[in-house]
Amino acid sequence: DDLSLFLVCEHLPFTWILLWVLTDLSNKQTMAASGGGDSLKYMTGFGNEFQSEALPDALPKGQNNPQVCPYNLYAEQLSGSAFTAPRQSNVRSWLYRIQPSANHLPFQRADTGLLTNNWTANHPNPNQMRWKPFNIPKVDYKVDFVQGLASVCGAGDPCARHGLGVYVFCCNTSMVDMCFYSSDGDFLIVPQQGSLAITTEFGKMNVAPGEICVIQ
């Protein structure tokens, strides 16, 4: 009862990802991102404008950045189109936080494991080859989302903010007091075994085998 998934990350500009992953090892019930079984309500449509709030009247009325936000929250614009864009093309995303995102402890270097973006380290080989199956972590060896991510192939360069990366991912435990951040990619996640409960800065998703998840 482990979880494995296939993940594609495409490096694109103006994209932010912050997510937590919880795993459902029993594969019988999809866990909610809060750790319980509460049901989620999804907002549908492509290119639409969405809004949601955790508390009643938490969103400002008629403006994005008032001098004093409801509940004394901090207004932060996460992304937006250029000010020269036509009005009908303007897009933006605002978040209202309990504390500003800059209020965090210093970052620490993490072990990259099997992750790499150096696609020129080995010479191209035209011979027929295949990958052996990736090892599924044993129950007594806990591996979370980040630790279980392994690079398979890719092209381009994250520094140029252009390219593509393909990964295989295996995990058997949830991310606790930890999050994953990417500033240069769209994520397509396809679970193979077990279910995922994913929390992003923009909301929560439950993803089961047979479903896909796209995080922009």
Protein backbone atom coordinates (compact mmCIF):
# COMPACT_ATOMS: atom_id res chain seq x y z
CA ASP A 1 0.00 0.00 0.00
CA ASP A 2 2.31 2.68 -1.25
CA LEU A 3 1.85 5.56 -3.59
CA SER A 4 3.60 6.33 -6.83
CA LEU A 5 2.87 8.92 -9.46
CA PHE A 6 4.18 10.29 -12.71
CA LEU A 7 4.83 14.01 -12.74
CA VAL A 8 5.69 16.45 -15.51
CA CYS A 9 7.06 19.92 -14.75
CA GLU A 10 7.21 22.50 -17.53
CA HIS A 11 9.30 25.60 -16.92
CA LEU A 12 7.23 28.67 -17.73
CA PRO A 13 7.46 32.28 -16.53
CA PHE A 14 5.10 33.97 -14.07
CA THR A 15 4.10 30.77 -12.32
CA TRP A 16 4.21 30.02 -8.61
CA ILE A 17 3.51 26.74 -6.89
CA LEU A 18 3.26 26.03 -3.20
CA LEU A 19 1.83 22.70 -2.21
CA TRP A 20 1.58 20.09 0.48
CA VAL A 21 0.85 16.45 -0.30
CA LEU A 22 -0.95 13.97 1.94
CA THR A 23 -1.04 10.33 0.95
CA ASP A 24 -3.84 7.84 1.46
CA LEU A 25 -2.07 4.53 1.96
CA SER A 26 -5.26 2.50 2.34
CA ASN A 27 -6.47 3.53 -1.13
CA LYS A 28 -10.04 3.24 0.18
CA GLN A 29 -10.86 6.85 0.94
CA THR A 30 -9.30 10.03 -0.35
CA MET A 31 -7.96 12.10 2.51
CA ALA A 32 -8.77 15.77 2.67
CA ALA A 33 -5.85 18.13 2.77
CA SER A 34 -6.63 19.02 6.37
CA GLY A 35 -6.07 15.39 7.35
CA GLY A 36 -9.75 14.60 7.74
CA GLY A 37 -12.49 13.40 5.48
CA ASP A 38 -14.26 16.68 4.78
CA SER A 39 -15.64 17.07 1.28
CA LEU A 40 -14.34 19.73 -1.07
CA LYS A 41 -16.28 22.03 -3.37
CA TYR A 42 -14.56 22.79 -6.66
CA MET A 43 -14.76 25.89 -8.86
CA THR A 44 -14.95 24.92 -12.52
CA GLY A 45 -14.07 26.60 -15.80
CA PHE A 46 -11.01 27.76 -17.69
CA GLY A 47 -10.16 31.44 -17.94
CA ASN A 48 -12.77 32.38 -15.36
CA GLU A 49 -12.29 34.62 -12.33
CA PHE A 50 -12.59 32.87 -8.98
CA GLN A 51 -12.71 33.88 -5.36
CA SER A 52 -13.01 32.00 -2.11
CA GLU A 53 -12.64 32.82 1.56
CA ALA A 54 -12.01 30.83 4.72
CA LEU A 55 -14.13 33.17 6.88
CA PRO A 56 -17.24 35.20 6.01
CA ASP A 57 -16.48 38.62 4.50
CA ALA A 58 -12.72 38.00 4.56
CA LEU A 59 -12.34 39.42 1.03
CA PRO A 60 -12.29 43.20 0.57
CA LYS A 61 -15.29 44.70 -1.22
CA GLY A 62 -14.75 46.83 -4.32
CA GLN A 63 -10.95 46.94 -4.10
CA ASN A 64 -7.97 44.62 -3.87
CA ASN A 65 -5.68 46.45 -1.48
CA PRO A 66 -7.45 48.54 1.15
CA GLN A 67 -5.49 50.30 3.87
CA VAL A 68 -7.01 47.90 6.42
CA CYS A 69 -8.11 44.47 5.23
CA PRO A 70 -10.90 42.53 6.95
CA TYR A 71 -9.66 40.56 9.97
CA ASN A 72 -6.46 42.66 9.75
CA LEU A 73 -5.12 40.38 7.03
CA TYR A 74 -2.17 41.28 4.82
CA ALA A 75 -2.93 41.81 1.12
CA GLU A 76 -0.38 40.40 -1.31
CA GLN A 77 -0.54 40.31 -5.08
CA LEU A 78 1.02 37.04 -6.17
CA SER A 79 0.99 37.57 -9.94
CA GLY A 80 -0.51 39.80 -12.57
CA SER A 81 -0.37 40.95 -16.17
CA ALA A 82 1.64 43.94 -17.35
CA PHE A 83 0.10 47.35 -16.73
CA THR A 84 0.21 47.93 -20.51
CA ALA A 85 -2.13 45.00 -21.19
CA PRO A 86 -5.62 45.85 -22.48
CA ARG A 87 -8.32 45.94 -19.82
CA GLN A 88 -9.99 42.80 -21.16
CA SER A 89 -6.65 40.94 -20.86
CA ASN A 90 -5.85 42.00 -17.30
CA VAL A 91 -5.36 39.09 -14.92
CA ARG A 92 -4.14 39.07 -11.33
CA SER A 93 -4.15 36.97 -8.20
CA TRP A 94 -4.49 38.41 -4.71
CA LEU A 95 -4.04 36.54 -1.45
CA TYR A 96 -4.94 37.75 2.03
CA ARG A 97 -2.72 36.23 4.68
CA ILE A 98 -2.58 36.10 8.46
CA GLN A 99 1.11 37.02 8.20
CA PRO A 100 3.08 38.40 5.24
CA SER A 101 4.87 35.75 3.18
CA ALA A 102 8.21 37.48 3.86
CA ASN A 103 7.83 36.59 7.54
CA HIS A 104 9.64 33.25 7.49
CA LEU A 105 12.74 31.67 8.93
CA PRO A 106 15.94 31.56 6.81
CA PHE A 107 15.92 28.93 4.10
CA GLN A 108 18.17 25.91 4.46
CA ARG A 109 19.74 23.81 1.73
CA ALA A 110 17.95 20.50 1.20
CA ASP A 111 19.27 17.26 -0.25
CA THR A 112 18.28 17.16 -3.94
CA GLY A 113 18.39 13.37 -4.04
CA LEU A 114 17.65 12.14 -7.56
CA LEU A 115 16.59 15.55 -8.87
CA THR A 116 18.70 17.20 -11.56
CA ASN A 117 18.40 19.75 -14.35
CA ASN A 118 21.80 19.03 -15.91
CA TRP A 119 20.60 17.32 -19.08
CA THR A 120 24.04 17.50 -20.73
CA ALA A 121 25.92 15.52 -18.06
CA ASN A 122 25.83 12.38 -20.24
CA HIS A 123 26.35 11.99 -23.98
CA PRO A 124 23.24 11.05 -26.00
CA ASN A 125 22.96 7.31 -26.54
CA PRO A 126 21.03 6.17 -29.67
CA ASN A 127 20.87 2.54 -28.51
CA GLN A 128 17.65 0.97 -27.34
CA MET A 129 17.35 1.25 -23.58
CA ARG A 130 14.70 1.07 -20.92
CA TRP A 131 14.33 2.01 -17.28
CA LYS A 132 13.97 -0.59 -14.61
CA PRO A 133 10.98 -0.01 -12.31
CA PHE A 134 11.66 2.49 -9.56
CA ASN A 135 11.81 1.06 -6.07
CA ILE A 136 8.66 1.48 -3.98
CA PRO A 137 9.72 2.59 -0.48
CA LYS A 138 9.07 0.09 2.27
CA VAL A 139 6.51 0.84 4.95
CA ASP A 140 9.11 1.31 7.69
CA TYR A 141 11.09 3.80 5.53
CA LYS A 142 9.15 7.05 5.25
CA VAL A 143 9.49 9.00 1.99
CA ASP A 144 7.47 12.15 1.30
CA PHE A 145 6.65 14.02 -1.91
CA VAL A 146 9.95 15.87 -2.24
CA GLN A 147 12.15 12.99 -1.15
CA GLY A 148 10.48 10.62 -3.62
CA LEU A 149 10.91 12.80 -6.70
CA ALA A 150 13.37 11.47 -9.33
CA SER A 151 14.34 13.07 -12.65
CA VAL A 152 13.85 10.89 -15.73
CA CYS A 153 14.54 13.23 -18.65
CA GLY A 154 14.22 16.83 -19.70
CA ALA A 155 15.41 19.69 -21.87
CA GLY A 156 16.06 23.39 -21.53
CA ASP A 157 17.29 25.32 -18.53
CA PRO A 158 15.35 26.64 -15.50
CA CYS A 159 17.60 29.72 -15.46
CA ALA A 160 16.30 30.58 -18.93
CA ARG A 161 12.75 29.83 -17.71
CA HIS A 162 12.14 27.59 -20.69
CA GLY A 163 12.14 23.82 -20.96
CA LEU A 164 10.55 20.62 -19.78
CA GLY A 165 11.25 18.06 -17.07
CA VAL A 166 9.77 14.60 -16.57
CA TYR A 167 9.86 12.90 -13.17
CA VAL A 168 8.75 9.73 -11.46
CA PHE A 169 7.62 10.00 -7.88
CA CYS A 170 7.06 7.46 -5.09
CA CYS A 171 6.04 8.25 -1.53
CA ASN A 172 4.42 6.58 1.44
CA THR A 173 4.01 9.42 3.95
CA SER A 174 2.56 12.91 4.07
CA MET A 175 4.49 16.16 4.11
CA VAL A 176 4.45 17.40 7.71
CA ASP A 177 5.55 20.96 8.55
CA MET A 178 6.98 21.15 5.04
CA CYS A 179 6.01 22.59 1.67
CA PHE A 180 7.31 22.48 -1.89
CA TYR A 181 7.74 25.65 -3.95
CA SER A 182 8.47 26.06 -7.65
CA SER A 183 8.70 29.42 -9.40
CA ASP A 184 9.17 28.19 -12.94
CA GLY A 185 6.76 25.44 -13.84
CA ASP A 186 3.29 24.03 -14.42
CA PHE A 187 2.83 20.67 -12.75
CA LEU A 188 0.85 17.80 -14.25
CA ILE A 189 0.45 15.07 -11.62
CA VAL A 190 -0.98 11.64 -12.47
CA PRO A 191 -1.39 9.29 -9.47
CA GLN A 192 -0.90 5.61 -10.14
CA GLN A 193 -1.40 4.00 -6.72
CA GLY A 194 -3.18 5.52 -3.75
CA SER A 195 -4.81 8.93 -3.48
CA LEU A 196 -3.41 12.42 -2.99
CA ALA A 197 -4.76 15.31 -0.95
CA ILE A 198 -3.00 18.43 -2.22
CA THR A 199 -3.06 21.86 -0.61
CA THR A 200 -1.87 24.81 -2.71
CA GLU A 201 -1.90 28.54 -2.02
CA PHE A 202 -5.12 28.71 -4.02
CA GLY A 203 -6.99 25.82 -2.45
CA LYS A 204 -7.23 22.08 -1.96
CA MET A 205 -7.66 19.12 -4.28
CA ASN A 206 -8.28 15.42 -3.83
CA VAL A 207 -6.72 13.38 -6.64
CA ALA A 208 -7.30 9.63 -7.03
CA PRO A 209 -5.97 7.11 -9.60
CA GLY A 210 -7.68 7.70 -12.93
CA GLU A 211 -7.64 11.48 -12.33
CA ILE A 212 -5.04 14.14 -13.14
CA CYS A 213 -4.05 17.32 -11.36
CA VAL A 214 -2.63 20.46 -12.99
CA ILE A 215 -1.05 23.09 -10.72
CA GLN A 216 -0.09 26.39 -12.32
